[in-house]
Amino acid sequence: MTDPTEPREPEPTVPPMETIADSDRQPPRRSPAHTTTVPRPAPIRTRDDIPPGALAVGAILGTATLILILKWGIPKAIDWYHHQDWAWFTQWTATVADPVHAYLTAHTAGLPLTASSAVNIWLGVGAVSLVLAWFTGAVGARLTYTAHGAATVYMVWASSPAAGRTVAAALAVLAWTIGSLFALRGLSLRPVIVLPGCARRS
C-alpha cells in the first residue's frame, strides 16, 4: 500500500479531440478503400442472355395470342357489353352529379359565374387533378384531388333529399375512393427514417 501522505504522481492529461490523430481514435475511421459494398447484379440483356430460339417462340406465341384476341376476344366483349344492363352506372352517376349541379345552381345566384360554368369548372378540375396525380404523383395534384372529392361529398350531402342523403353521400365517397386508387397510388403514411450509418452508397 502506498502511504497516503506521499505525494501522488500527476495523472496524464488527455489531449483535446482535435489533436488526436485519426489512427489513434477508437474506433478508427474507415477509409473508402476498406469499405465493403455489395456487388450489384448485372442487368439482363434480352439479346445476349436469351437464346434466339426462345425469342422466336415468344414472338410466335404473342402473334397467335393477338390474332385470337382480335378475332374472338373483342367481338365477345362487344356482344357482352351490348347485353348488359348499365342502368346502375347511369343511376349512380346521376345520384352524385345531380345534387352537385343543384348545389352549384342554388349557390351561384348573384355571382358573375353562371351555374353551367361552375359545373364545367368542377368537372375540369376533378378530371385534370386525377390525371396529374395519377401520372405525376405531384403533391399539389393530390391535394387538389382530395379537396375536390371532399367538396363533392359535401355538395351531395347538402343537396340530396333528406331520406336518401346518407346513401347519396356514401355513393359519392365510393366514387371518390375508386378514383383514389389511381390518384393516390404509392402514397404511404408510414414515416421514412434514414439513419446516418445506413445511407445508400453509390
Protein backbone atom coordinates (compact mmCIF):
# COMPACT_ATOMS: atom_id res chain seq x y z
CA MET A 1 0.00 0.00 0.00
CA THR A 2 1.11 3.50 -0.64
CA ASP A 3 1.42 5.95 2.16
CA PRO A 4 -1.44 8.47 1.91
CA THR A 5 0.98 11.16 3.00
CA GLU A 6 3.17 10.57 -0.05
CA PRO A 7 2.53 12.97 -2.93
CA ARG A 8 0.63 11.42 -5.84
CA GLU A 9 2.01 11.44 -9.31
CA PRO A 10 0.10 13.75 -11.61
CA GLU A 11 -2.29 11.94 -13.98
CA PRO A 12 -1.51 12.28 -17.68
CA THR A 13 -3.53 14.96 -19.35
CA VAL A 14 -5.93 13.93 -22.09
CA PRO A 15 -5.37 15.99 -25.20
CA PRO A 16 -8.44 17.53 -26.85
CA MET A 17 -10.15 15.59 -29.61
CA GLU A 18 -8.85 17.78 -32.41
CA THR A 19 -5.24 16.91 -31.50
CA ILE A 20 -5.75 13.11 -31.66
CA ALA A 21 -4.65 11.56 -34.92
CA ASP A 22 -7.19 9.64 -36.93
CA SER A 23 -5.23 6.41 -36.46
CA ASP A 24 -5.45 6.72 -32.63
CA ARG A 25 -9.18 7.22 -32.45
CA GLN A 26 -11.43 4.47 -31.08
CA PRO A 27 -12.76 3.15 -33.37
CA PRO A 28 -10.55 4.45 -36.17
CA ARG A 29 -12.11 5.96 -39.22
CA ARG A 30 -12.78 3.60 -42.09
CA SER A 31 -11.12 4.57 -45.28
CA PRO A 32 -13.10 4.22 -48.53
CA ALA A 33 -10.66 1.54 -49.67
CA HIS A 34 -11.64 -0.76 -46.77
CA THR A 35 -15.40 -0.38 -47.05
CA THR A 36 -17.20 -3.41 -48.42
CA THR A 37 -20.04 -2.85 -50.87
CA VAL A 38 -22.46 -5.47 -52.11
CA PRO A 39 -21.93 -6.01 -55.83
CA ARG A 40 -24.93 -5.15 -57.94
CA PRO A 41 -26.33 -7.82 -60.23
CA ALA A 42 -25.68 -7.27 -63.87
CA PRO A 43 -28.75 -6.19 -65.85
CA ILE A 44 -30.43 -8.76 -68.05
CA ARG A 45 -29.86 -8.13 -71.71
CA THR A 46 -32.52 -9.75 -73.84
CA ARG A 47 -30.47 -10.20 -76.97
CA ASP A 48 -27.39 -11.52 -75.17
CA ASP A 49 -28.88 -13.70 -72.41
CA ILE A 50 -31.99 -15.21 -74.07
CA PRO A 51 -31.43 -17.79 -76.82
CA PRO A 52 -32.69 -16.83 -80.29
CA GLY A 53 -34.99 -19.87 -80.32
CA ALA A 54 -36.79 -18.69 -77.21
CA LEU A 55 -37.26 -15.24 -78.74
CA ALA A 56 -38.73 -16.79 -81.89
CA VAL A 57 -41.13 -18.98 -79.91
CA GLY A 58 -42.20 -15.97 -77.82
CA ALA A 59 -42.83 -13.90 -80.95
CA ILE A 60 -44.95 -16.68 -82.48
CA LEU A 61 -46.99 -17.16 -79.32
CA GLY A 62 -47.50 -13.40 -78.96
CA THR A 63 -48.69 -13.10 -82.56
CA ALA A 64 -51.09 -16.03 -82.16
CA THR A 65 -52.49 -14.54 -78.95
CA LEU A 66 -53.03 -11.18 -80.64
CA ILE A 67 -54.88 -12.84 -83.54
CA LEU A 68 -57.13 -14.75 -81.13
CA ILE A 69 -57.93 -11.56 -79.21
CA LEU A 70 -58.77 -9.65 -82.39
CA LYS A 71 -60.87 -12.44 -83.89
CA TRP A 72 -62.74 -13.80 -80.86
CA GLY A 73 -61.98 -11.74 -77.78
CA ILE A 74 -63.06 -8.29 -78.97
CA PRO A 75 -66.33 -9.46 -80.62
CA LYS A 76 -67.22 -11.42 -77.48
CA ALA A 77 -66.52 -8.36 -75.32
CA ILE A 78 -68.65 -6.13 -77.58
CA ASP A 79 -71.50 -8.64 -77.52
CA TRP A 80 -71.27 -8.90 -73.73
CA TYR A 81 -71.32 -5.11 -73.44
CA HIS A 82 -74.49 -4.77 -75.53
CA HIS A 83 -76.33 -7.41 -73.50
CA GLN A 84 -75.58 -5.82 -70.11
CA ASP A 85 -77.87 -3.53 -68.21
CA TRP A 86 -75.86 -0.40 -67.42
CA ALA A 87 -78.72 1.42 -65.70
CA TRP A 88 -76.96 1.05 -62.34
CA PHE A 89 -74.00 3.06 -63.61
CA THR A 90 -76.10 5.90 -65.02
CA GLN A 91 -78.17 5.98 -61.82
CA TRP A 92 -75.01 6.09 -59.71
CA THR A 93 -73.66 8.96 -61.83
CA ALA A 94 -76.93 10.86 -61.56
CA THR A 95 -77.03 10.33 -57.78
CA VAL A 96 -73.70 12.14 -57.48
CA ALA A 97 -73.86 14.64 -60.35
CA ASP A 98 -77.43 15.91 -59.96
CA PRO A 99 -77.03 17.13 -56.35
CA VAL A 100 -73.76 18.83 -57.27
CA HIS A 101 -75.46 20.60 -60.19
CA ALA A 102 -78.36 21.63 -57.94
CA TYR A 103 -75.99 22.93 -55.25
CA LEU A 104 -73.98 24.98 -57.72
CA THR A 105 -77.15 26.36 -59.30
CA ALA A 106 -78.54 27.43 -55.94
CA HIS A 107 -75.31 28.98 -54.66
CA THR A 108 -74.14 30.87 -57.75
CA ALA A 109 -77.09 33.27 -57.76
CA GLY A 110 -75.82 36.83 -57.86
CA LEU A 111 -72.31 35.83 -58.87
CA PRO A 112 -70.63 36.68 -62.18
CA LEU A 113 -70.11 32.94 -62.57
CA THR A 114 -73.03 31.04 -64.07
CA ALA A 115 -74.11 27.62 -62.87
CA SER A 116 -73.09 25.92 -66.12
CA SER A 117 -69.60 27.45 -65.87
CA ALA A 118 -69.30 26.30 -62.26
CA VAL A 119 -70.25 22.75 -63.29
CA ASN A 120 -67.67 22.81 -66.08
CA ILE A 121 -65.01 24.03 -63.65
CA TRP A 122 -65.97 21.30 -61.20
CA LEU A 123 -65.70 18.61 -63.87
CA GLY A 124 -62.48 20.01 -65.35
CA VAL A 125 -60.66 20.39 -62.03
CA GLY A 126 -61.64 16.87 -61.00
CA ALA A 127 -60.51 15.29 -64.26
CA VAL A 128 -57.23 17.25 -64.54
CA SER A 129 -56.25 16.69 -60.90
CA LEU A 130 -56.99 12.97 -61.22
CA VAL A 131 -54.84 12.60 -64.35
CA LEU A 132 -51.97 14.68 -62.98
CA ALA A 133 -51.99 12.88 -59.63
CA TRP A 134 -52.08 9.52 -61.40
CA PHE A 135 -49.24 10.10 -63.85
CA THR A 136 -47.01 12.54 -61.94
CA GLY A 137 -47.76 11.85 -58.27
CA ALA A 138 -47.33 15.57 -57.56
CA VAL A 139 -48.30 16.70 -54.07
CA GLY A 140 -50.27 19.67 -55.39
CA ALA A 141 -52.31 17.50 -57.75
CA ARG A 142 -53.09 15.04 -54.95
CA LEU A 143 -54.13 17.84 -52.62
CA THR A 144 -56.36 19.30 -55.33
CA TYR A 145 -57.95 15.92 -55.98
CA THR A 146 -58.54 15.40 -52.25
CA ALA A 147 -60.12 18.85 -51.84
CA HIS A 148 -62.27 18.28 -54.94
CA GLY A 149 -63.53 14.97 -53.55
CA ALA A 150 -64.30 16.42 -50.13
CA ALA A 151 -66.20 19.32 -51.70
CA THR A 152 -68.14 16.91 -53.92
CA VAL A 153 -69.21 14.77 -50.95
CA TYR A 154 -70.34 17.87 -49.07
CA MET A 155 -72.40 19.17 -52.01
CA VAL A 156 -74.02 15.76 -52.49
CA TRP A 157 -74.89 15.63 -48.78
CA ALA A 158 -76.28 19.17 -48.74
CA SER A 159 -78.45 18.93 -51.88
CA SER A 160 -79.73 15.34 -51.74
CA PRO A 161 -83.20 14.56 -50.35
CA ALA A 162 -83.21 14.02 -46.60
CA ALA A 163 -84.43 10.44 -46.90
CA GLY A 164 -81.60 9.35 -49.21
CA ARG A 165 -78.89 11.75 -48.05
CA THR A 166 -76.71 9.15 -46.36
CA VAL A 167 -76.88 6.75 -49.33
CA ALA A 168 -76.04 9.51 -51.80
CA ALA A 169 -73.08 10.67 -49.71
CA ALA A 170 -71.86 7.08 -49.35
CA LEU A 171 -72.01 6.57 -53.13
CA ALA A 172 -70.06 9.81 -53.59
CA VAL A 173 -67.41 8.58 -51.14
CA LEU A 174 -67.18 5.27 -53.03
CA ALA A 175 -66.70 7.07 -56.33
CA TRP A 176 -64.03 9.24 -54.71
CA THR A 177 -62.17 6.25 -53.26
CA ILE A 178 -62.25 4.43 -56.60
CA GLY A 179 -60.54 7.41 -58.18
CA SER A 180 -58.09 7.46 -55.27
CA LEU A 181 -56.83 4.03 -56.34
CA PHE A 182 -55.18 5.84 -59.25
CA ALA A 183 -54.67 9.37 -57.91
CA LEU A 184 -53.11 8.33 -54.59
CA ARG A 185 -51.27 5.21 -55.70
CA GLY A 186 -47.95 4.70 -53.96
CA LEU A 187 -48.84 7.11 -51.17
CA SER A 188 -47.73 5.81 -47.77
CA LEU A 189 -48.44 7.29 -44.35
CA ARG A 190 -45.57 5.35 -42.80
CA PRO A 191 -42.68 7.71 -41.91
CA VAL A 192 -39.34 7.09 -43.60
CA ILE A 193 -36.40 7.11 -41.15
CA VAL A 194 -32.91 7.39 -42.65
CA LEU A 195 -30.08 6.57 -40.28
CA PRO A 196 -26.68 8.22 -40.90
CA GLY A 197 -24.86 4.90 -40.92
CA CYS A 198 -27.35 3.30 -43.30
CA ALA A 199 -27.03 5.82 -46.10
CA ARG A 200 -27.01 4.20 -49.51
CA ARG A 201 -23.62 4.19 -51.13
CA SER A 202 -23.42 4.90 -54.83
